[in-house]
Amino acid sequence: QVTLVEAGGGLVQAGGSLRLSCAASGRTISSYAMGWFRQAPGKEREFVAGITWNGGWTRFADSVQGRFTISRDNAKNMVYLQMNSLKPEDTAVYYCARTRTQFGILVSDTGGDYDAWGQGTQVTVSS
C-alpha cells in the first residue's frame, strides 16, 4: 500500500510562487501516472495537473496552463508541482494522487481513476 505525503504549501502573495512536493512511501509510484487535484472551500475537487509514469506527457487544467508545471523523480519516488504567478483563486487544499493503472499513456482528469491520495497541503494566495 502506498502512502502519499504532500508538502510545500503555505501563504503567498498574488504573483508569487510555491513548489509542492509529494513523497511516496510503501510502494513505488514509478509505473503510475500521478496527478494533482485541489479543493477550495465550498467547491468540488478539481483536477490541476497530471504526468504519465515516465514523465513523457503532462496535462493541465485550463485555469493553470502556462503557470504551473508538473514533474517527477522516479528514483526518489517524488512528484512536484511548481506553481508560478499565483492568483487568489488558486487558494485551495492541494492533493496528490496515484492512478489505478500502470504504464498508462494518458493522464486522467477524473478523480475516480485515482486510488491513492495524500492528506493535502493548504495553499493560500493573498491579494
Foldseek 3Di string as FASTA:
>chain_A
DKAKAKDWADEEAAQAKIKMKIAIDDDFQLFWKKFKWWDDPPGDIWTAKIAHSPRPDMDGDPVQPPFKDKDDDRVRSMIMIIGGRDDQVVWTWMKMFTFPDGNDPDDDGDPVRTDYIHPTDTHGYHD
